[in-house]
Protein backbone atom coordinates (compact mmCIF):
# COMPACT_ATOMS: atom_id res chain seq x y z
CA MET A 1 2.33 -14.60 -16.79
CA THR A 2 2.88 -16.05 -13.10
CA GLU A 3 0.10 -16.23 -10.68
CA LEU A 4 0.76 -16.70 -6.67
CA LYS A 5 -1.76 -18.00 -4.45
CA ILE A 6 -2.01 -18.25 -0.83
CA GLU A 7 -4.83 -20.07 0.95
CA GLY A 8 -4.92 -20.93 5.01
CA LEU A 9 -1.50 -19.87 5.66
CA THR A 10 -0.69 -20.27 9.26
CA LYS A 11 2.81 -19.22 11.10
CA GLY A 12 3.51 -19.15 14.85
CA TYR A 13 6.50 -18.94 17.45
CA GLY A 14 5.29 -20.95 19.75
CA PRO A 15 1.95 -22.17 21.15
CA ASP A 16 0.62 -19.33 22.05
CA ALA A 17 2.43 -16.57 19.48
CA ALA A 18 0.40 -16.93 16.21
CA VAL A 19 1.59 -14.30 13.79
CA LEU A 20 -0.64 -15.44 10.22
CA ARG A 21 -3.93 -17.21 10.81
CA GLY A 22 -5.25 -18.59 7.99
CA LEU A 23 -4.27 -16.01 5.65
CA ASP A 24 -5.77 -15.96 2.16
CA LEU A 25 -3.95 -13.88 -0.96
CA THR A 26 -4.14 -14.10 -4.77
CA VAL A 27 -2.18 -11.75 -7.08
CA PRO A 28 -2.45 -12.49 -10.46
CA GLY A 29 0.04 -12.95 -12.63
CA GLY A 30 1.67 -9.71 -13.95
CA GLU A 31 0.64 -7.70 -10.93
CA LEU A 32 2.24 -5.80 -8.19
CA ALA A 33 0.59 -6.47 -4.60
CA ALA A 34 1.60 -4.01 -1.81
CA VAL A 35 1.06 -5.52 1.42
CA LEU A 36 0.57 -2.98 3.60
CA GLY A 37 0.36 -3.71 7.57
CA PRO A 38 1.22 -1.89 10.85
CA SER A 39 4.58 -3.35 12.71
CA GLY A 40 3.91 -6.75 14.04
CA CYS A 41 0.98 -7.63 11.89
CA GLY A 42 2.80 -10.36 9.90
CA LYS A 43 3.58 -9.04 6.55
CA THR A 44 7.36 -9.86 7.13
CA THR A 45 6.85 -13.44 8.46
CA LEU A 46 4.04 -13.80 5.58
CA LEU A 47 7.21 -12.68 2.81
CA ARG A 48 9.53 -14.72 4.47
CA VAL A 49 7.46 -17.90 4.62
CA VAL A 50 6.34 -17.40 0.67
CA ALA A 51 10.61 -16.89 0.40
CA GLY A 52 10.83 -20.54 1.86
CA PHE A 53 12.75 -18.95 4.89
CA LEU A 54 10.77 -20.11 6.97
CA ARG A 55 8.50 -23.51 7.19
CA ALA A 56 4.33 -22.61 7.47
CA ASP A 57 2.51 -24.14 9.97
CA ALA A 58 -0.50 -24.64 7.85
CA GLY A 59 -1.62 -23.53 4.63
CA THR A 60 -0.15 -23.74 1.11
CA VAL A 61 1.59 -21.31 -1.46
CA THR A 62 1.78 -21.75 -4.84
CA VAL A 63 3.47 -20.03 -7.71
CA GLY A 64 2.66 -20.48 -11.41
CA GLY A 65 0.28 -23.61 -10.09
CA ARG A 66 3.22 -25.58 -8.94
CA THR A 67 3.55 -25.98 -5.01
CA LEU A 68 6.34 -24.56 -3.00
CA GLY A 69 4.81 -25.13 0.47
CA GLY A 70 1.73 -26.95 2.08
CA PRO A 71 0.91 -30.43 3.69
CA GLY A 72 4.49 -32.07 3.50
CA THR A 73 5.81 -29.97 1.27
CA HIS A 74 8.48 -27.38 1.59
CA LEU A 75 10.85 -26.75 -1.15
CA PRO A 76 13.81 -24.77 0.20
CA PRO A 77 14.52 -21.12 -1.33
CA GLU A 78 17.23 -21.89 -3.95
CA ARG A 79 14.59 -24.38 -5.73
CA ARG A 80 11.69 -22.01 -5.70
CA ARG A 81 12.67 -19.62 -8.08
CA ILE A 82 11.65 -16.51 -6.79
CA GLY A 83 13.78 -13.02 -6.63
CA ILE A 84 14.28 -11.29 -3.53
CA VAL A 85 15.06 -7.53 -3.60
CA PRO A 86 15.91 -6.95 0.45
CA GLN A 87 15.93 -3.61 2.66
CA GLU A 88 18.93 -1.70 1.58
CA GLY A 89 20.31 -3.72 -1.60
CA ALA A 90 22.71 -6.20 0.15
CA LEU A 91 24.90 -6.34 -2.56
CA PHE A 92 28.12 -8.05 -2.50
CA PRO A 93 30.63 -5.62 -1.48
CA HIS A 94 33.29 -7.29 -3.05
CA LEU A 95 32.10 -7.74 -6.34
CA SER A 96 31.38 -5.38 -9.18
CA VAL A 97 27.98 -4.22 -10.39
CA ALA A 98 28.16 -6.57 -13.20
CA ARG A 99 29.13 -9.34 -11.23
CA ASN A 100 26.35 -8.88 -7.98
CA VAL A 101 23.69 -9.17 -11.01
CA ALA A 102 25.08 -12.36 -12.92
CA PHE A 103 25.65 -14.29 -9.76
CA GLY A 104 22.12 -15.88 -9.81
CA LEU A 105 22.71 -16.79 -13.41
CA THR A 106 24.26 -20.74 -13.14
CA GLY A 107 23.91 -22.61 -15.94
CA LEU A 108 24.61 -20.35 -18.74
CA ASP A 109 28.04 -19.76 -20.87
CA ARG A 110 29.72 -16.58 -20.71
CA ALA A 111 28.57 -14.87 -23.32
CA GLU A 112 24.99 -15.79 -22.14
CA ARG A 113 25.53 -14.38 -18.66
CA ARG A 114 26.95 -11.11 -20.05
CA ARG A 115 24.67 -10.54 -22.06
CA ARG A 116 21.55 -10.98 -19.74
CA THR A 117 23.66 -8.45 -16.79
CA GLU A 118 23.76 -6.24 -19.46
CA GLU A 119 20.03 -6.27 -20.76
CA MET A 120 18.97 -5.73 -16.68
CA LEU A 121 21.42 -3.26 -16.21
CA GLU A 122 20.05 -1.22 -19.21
CA LEU A 123 16.32 -2.01 -17.96
CA VAL A 124 17.21 -0.77 -14.39
CA GLY A 125 18.62 2.43 -16.00
CA LEU A 126 22.37 2.11 -15.17
CA ALA A 127 23.78 1.16 -18.74
CA GLY A 128 27.45 1.28 -18.62
CA TYR A 129 27.78 1.02 -14.86
CA GLY A 130 28.79 -3.03 -14.40
CA GLY A 131 32.51 -1.86 -14.10
CA ARG A 132 32.22 0.15 -10.58
CA MET A 133 32.00 -1.27 -7.30
CA PRO A 134 28.61 -1.04 -4.83
CA HIS A 135 30.22 1.39 -2.66
CA GLU A 136 30.83 3.77 -5.77
CA LEU A 137 26.67 3.73 -6.00
CA SER A 138 23.94 6.01 -4.48
CA GLY A 139 21.38 4.49 -2.39
CA GLY A 140 19.34 4.71 -5.22
CA GLN A 141 21.18 3.01 -8.26
CA GLN A 142 22.24 0.37 -5.22
CA GLN A 143 18.18 -0.38 -4.91
CA ARG A 144 18.36 -1.19 -8.47
CA VAL A 145 21.10 -3.17 -9.36
CA ALA A 146 19.44 -5.13 -6.56
CA LEU A 147 15.79 -5.44 -8.58
CA ALA A 148 18.44 -6.40 -11.74
CA ARG A 149 20.28 -8.91 -9.60
CA ALA A 150 16.41 -10.33 -8.91
CA LEU A 151 15.18 -10.34 -12.62
CA ALA A 152 18.25 -11.61 -14.09
CA PRO A 153 17.24 -15.55 -13.58
CA ARG A 154 13.86 -14.48 -14.81
CA PRO A 155 11.65 -16.03 -11.80
CA GLY A 156 8.51 -16.64 -11.48
CA LEU A 157 7.71 -14.31 -8.63
CA VAL A 158 10.09 -10.84 -6.94
CA LEU A 159 9.39 -10.21 -3.76
CA LEU A 160 10.43 -6.60 -2.19
CA ASP A 161 11.20 -5.87 1.32
CA GLU A 162 10.37 -2.63 2.16
CA PRO A 163 12.79 -1.74 -0.38
CA PHE A 164 12.65 2.06 -0.02
CA ASN A 165 13.45 2.92 3.22
CA ALA A 166 16.72 3.91 3.77
CA LEU A 167 16.25 6.05 0.75
CA ASP A 168 15.17 10.18 1.45
CA SER A 169 12.10 11.13 0.91
CA ALA A 170 13.26 13.41 -3.08
CA LEU A 171 14.72 10.46 -3.72
CA ARG A 172 12.16 7.17 -2.71
CA SER A 173 9.65 8.50 -5.22
CA GLY A 174 12.33 8.03 -8.32
CA VAL A 175 13.39 4.74 -7.76
CA ARG A 176 9.89 3.61 -6.92
CA ALA A 177 8.82 4.26 -10.44
CA ASP A 178 11.53 2.70 -11.84
CA VAL A 179 11.24 -0.64 -10.01
CA ARG A 180 7.74 -0.76 -11.25
CA ALA A 181 8.50 0.52 -14.78
CA ALA A 182 11.26 -2.17 -14.71
CA LEU A 183 8.78 -4.87 -13.50
CA ARG A 184 6.20 -3.36 -16.08
CA ALA A 185 8.71 -4.49 -19.03
CA THR A 186 9.43 -7.59 -17.41
CA GLY A 187 5.65 -8.93 -16.93
CA ALA A 188 7.13 -10.11 -13.18
CA THR A 189 4.56 -10.63 -10.66
CA ALA A 190 5.83 -9.18 -7.60
CA VAL A 191 5.06 -8.77 -3.99
CA LEU A 192 6.07 -5.60 -1.99
CA VAL A 193 5.89 -5.64 1.60
CA THR A 194 5.67 -1.91 2.93
CA HIS A 195 4.24 0.11 6.33
CA ASP A 196 3.66 3.01 4.12
CA GLN A 197 0.10 4.12 2.89
CA GLN A 198 1.73 6.02 0.41
CA GLU A 199 4.37 3.84 -1.66
CA ALA A 200 0.99 1.21 -1.35
CA LEU A 201 -1.33 3.02 -2.92
CA SER A 202 0.64 5.05 -5.68
CA VAL A 203 2.59 2.06 -7.11
CA ALA A 204 0.57 -1.59 -6.06
CA ASP A 205 -1.86 -3.07 -8.89
CA ARG A 206 -3.83 -4.20 -6.13
CA VAL A 207 -3.44 -3.50 -2.09
CA ALA A 208 -3.31 -6.02 0.86
CA VAL A 209 -4.28 -4.54 4.28
CA VAL A 210 -2.66 -6.88 7.29
CA ARG A 211 -4.39 -7.00 10.43
CA ASP A 212 -3.00 -9.43 13.34
CA GLY A 213 -1.98 -11.72 10.52
CA THR A 214 -5.07 -12.26 8.10
CA ILE A 215 -6.20 -9.83 5.21
CA ALA A 216 -8.64 -7.61 6.38
CA GLN A 217 -8.99 -5.96 2.76
CA CYS A 218 -7.70 -6.34 -0.50
CA GLY A 219 -8.23 -4.37 -4.13
CA THR A 220 -7.42 -1.99 -6.07
CA PRO A 221 -5.69 1.31 -4.15
CA GLN A 222 -8.91 3.15 -5.07
CA GLU A 223 -11.31 0.47 -4.17
CA VAL A 224 -9.24 -0.27 -0.66
CA TYR A 225 -8.88 4.17 -0.22
CA GLY A 226 -12.45 4.88 -1.61
CA ARG A 227 -14.29 2.08 0.07
CA PRO A 228 -12.62 0.76 2.76
CA ALA A 229 -13.68 -2.73 4.58
CA ASP A 230 -14.00 -0.77 8.43
CA PRO A 231 -13.01 1.82 9.82
CA TRP A 232 -9.82 0.93 11.12
CA VAL A 233 -8.73 0.21 7.75
CA ALA A 234 -10.09 4.07 6.72
CA ARG A 235 -7.68 5.04 9.09
CA PHE A 236 -4.80 3.01 7.90
CA VAL A 237 -4.52 3.86 4.53
CA GLY A 238 -5.12 7.50 4.63
CA ASP A 239 -6.69 10.13 6.83
CA ALA A 240 -10.57 9.51 7.75
CA VAL A 241 -13.44 11.87 9.07
CA LEU A 242 -15.65 9.85 10.83
CA LEU A 243 -19.43 11.24 11.58
CA PRO A 244 -22.10 9.54 13.44
CA GLY A 245 -24.81 9.64 10.41
CA THR A 246 -28.49 7.48 9.73
CA ALA A 247 -28.90 5.81 6.46
CA GLU A 248 -31.96 5.58 4.12
CA ASN A 249 -33.09 5.92 0.92
CA GLY A 250 -29.54 6.05 -0.09
CA ALA A 251 -28.53 8.87 1.76
CA ALA A 252 -27.42 9.52 5.06
CA ALA A 253 -27.70 12.13 7.39
CA THR A 254 -24.69 13.66 9.34
CA PRO A 255 -23.48 17.26 11.34
CA LEU A 256 -22.42 18.26 8.71
CA GLY A 257 -25.52 17.72 6.46
CA ARG A 258 -26.31 15.12 4.40
CA VAL A 259 -24.40 13.12 1.98
CA PRO A 260 -25.61 10.56 -1.07
CA LEU A 261 -24.16 6.59 -0.22
CA ALA A 262 -21.71 4.89 -2.57
CA ALA A 263 -23.54 2.03 -4.18
CA SER A 264 -23.72 -0.92 -1.76
CA ALA A 265 -22.38 1.14 1.11
CA ASP A 266 -25.26 1.73 3.26
CA GLY A 267 -25.70 -2.05 3.68
CA GLY A 268 -28.79 -1.84 3.04
CA THR A 269 -31.95 0.64 3.89
CA ALA A 270 -34.86 -1.46 3.02
CA GLY A 271 -35.79 -2.04 6.42
CA GLY A 272 -35.94 1.83 7.57
CA PRO A 273 -32.96 3.94 8.85
CA ARG A 274 -29.85 2.07 10.01
CA ARG A 275 -27.09 4.26 12.67
CA GLY A 276 -23.38 4.15 11.93
CA ARG A 277 -20.22 6.04 11.32
CA VAL A 278 -20.18 8.23 8.23
CA LEU A 279 -16.61 7.72 6.36
CA LEU A 280 -15.04 10.48 4.54
CA ARG A 281 -12.11 11.71 3.54
CA PRO A 282 -10.50 15.24 4.28
CA GLU A 283 -10.48 16.43 0.44
CA GLN A 284 -14.26 15.56 0.60
CA LEU A 285 -15.27 18.57 2.77
CA ARG A 286 -14.82 22.16 1.64
CA LEU A 287 -14.12 25.41 3.46
CA THR A 288 -17.20 28.29 2.85
CA ASP A 289 -18.21 31.44 3.66
CA VAL A 290 -19.92 31.02 7.44
CA PRO A 291 -23.21 30.06 7.14
CA ALA A 292 -26.05 32.57 8.14
CA GLU A 293 -27.95 31.94 11.44
CA ALA A 294 -31.81 31.39 9.49
CA ASP A 295 -31.26 29.26 6.30
CA GLY A 296 -27.24 28.07 6.10
CA THR A 297 -25.04 28.44 3.07
CA ALA A 298 -25.05 25.84 0.57
CA GLY A 299 -25.95 23.00 2.88
CA ALA A 300 -22.71 24.19 5.13
CA VAL A 301 -22.65 24.11 8.75
CA GLY A 302 -20.16 26.61 10.92
CA GLY A 303 -16.97 26.14 13.02
CA THR A 304 -14.52 27.58 14.38
CA VAL A 305 -10.45 26.98 12.25
CA THR A 306 -8.24 25.46 15.34
CA SER A 307 -5.21 25.00 13.33
CA VAL A 308 -3.54 25.06 9.63
CA CYS A 309 -0.64 22.92 8.74
CA PHE A 310 1.04 23.58 5.42
CA TYR A 311 2.68 21.20 3.14
CA GLY A 312 3.47 23.00 -0.28
CA HIS A 313 1.16 20.98 -2.23
CA ASP A 314 -1.96 21.39 0.32
CA ALA A 315 -2.69 21.57 3.89
CA MET A 316 -4.67 20.64 6.64
CA VAL A 317 -7.51 22.73 8.31
CA THR A 318 -8.75 21.63 11.72
CA VAL A 319 -12.45 23.05 12.59
CA GLY A 320 -13.78 22.76 15.15
CA VAL A 321 -17.86 22.13 14.12
CA ASP A 322 -20.86 23.84 16.18
CA GLY A 323 -22.42 20.95 18.09
CA LEU A 324 -19.99 18.02 17.13
CA ALA A 325 -17.87 17.30 19.94
CA ASP A 326 -14.56 16.12 17.42
CA PRO A 327 -12.75 18.66 15.32
CA VAL A 328 -12.99 17.57 11.44
CA GLU A 329 -10.09 17.64 9.37
CA ILE A 330 -10.22 19.54 5.77
CA ARG A 331 -7.40 19.16 3.31
CA VAL A 332 -7.21 21.86 1.07
CA SER A 333 -5.37 22.48 -2.35
CA GLY A 334 -4.27 26.22 -3.07
CA PRO A 335 -4.07 29.02 -0.95
CA VAL A 336 -5.34 29.40 2.71
CA THR A 337 -7.08 31.96 3.58
CA VAL A 338 -7.95 30.90 6.87
CA ARG A 339 -6.18 31.69 10.29
CA PRO A 340 -6.71 30.07 13.45
CA GLY A 341 -9.82 31.43 15.45
CA GLU A 342 -11.94 32.85 12.51
CA ARG A 343 -15.36 31.17 12.15
CA THR A 344 -15.91 29.06 8.70
CA GLY A 345 -18.28 27.44 7.26
CA VAL A 346 -17.78 23.29 6.63
CA ARG A 347 -19.99 21.34 3.99
CA ILE A 348 -19.66 17.88 2.18
CA THR A 349 -18.67 17.19 -1.57
CA GLY A 350 -19.45 13.81 -3.28
CA GLU A 351 -20.36 10.56 -1.37
CA ALA A 352 -19.56 8.97 1.18
CA THR A 353 -19.42 5.04 3.09
CA LEU A 354 -21.24 4.05 6.24
CA HIS A 355 -19.97 1.29 8.83
CA PRO A 356 -22.71 -0.25 11.24
């Protein structure tokens, strides 16, 4: 398995147009890393530098211990042994599926090229499709052919450049799963560039969130979602509820009640109370009966429902909480029994993180 290591990568398009700013990223061999970020953050430039299409201004790129780019070194793309799956497949329209897959298999005899092509098509679930032309395939099938073409030369690294953007939502999930399974089957190290948070969290072994040309946070999907580095990362990777709070003795007091803090999340409270913003996810809030005026109901606070957005598998209920300036969002699974204008109670479950 082949490790990707990027150190101090810097790239700009002019003296005052820096895009990558000393970016560091390590992807262990055999893992799929999702590089996630908003438009203009530098993720596509990162991919193009790793592929060899752009020369970095500073920093190094190594794959399997082999330096591809660095001071005095810049291997051209064709010598990097990197497979690339571009947006919308980019298949050669005048070549059959089999000839598209076999395009990069140079130095092999005809029998071995055929065997490798058939192996790759079977791997991506398209056995028997070799004689078809690209225009005879669906969008999802074309993307699987593009993956087979990238994997056929057995590259050290596979780069996927937002390959599912052109697919409709119903098809996208299935194709993502097929691509993930094929990468696992070959043991390939891969980098997926995307701005789709759900995509990154659902398919990647690790997620690297890019902000202004640097890595704001890199970790497992569970770490990045559950313990984001700061409120910006929290909001970018998912819906977030941010409350004013004061942390002390491993818990934080908030307008919605007291909530335990995840280990080491309160930044250390030995020196006394610390104020900050307490981060929760909408699924950590629950709707309850309206609390009694005297002593409340199981720690709940009162509020008024302002909107209900139904998504089928769940719903997002927005509640204006008494004494809190901004409303909070609550993710509800199952039937939604409240309506806008109704009174309700809100309480917290689980652990939170505190950000100064």
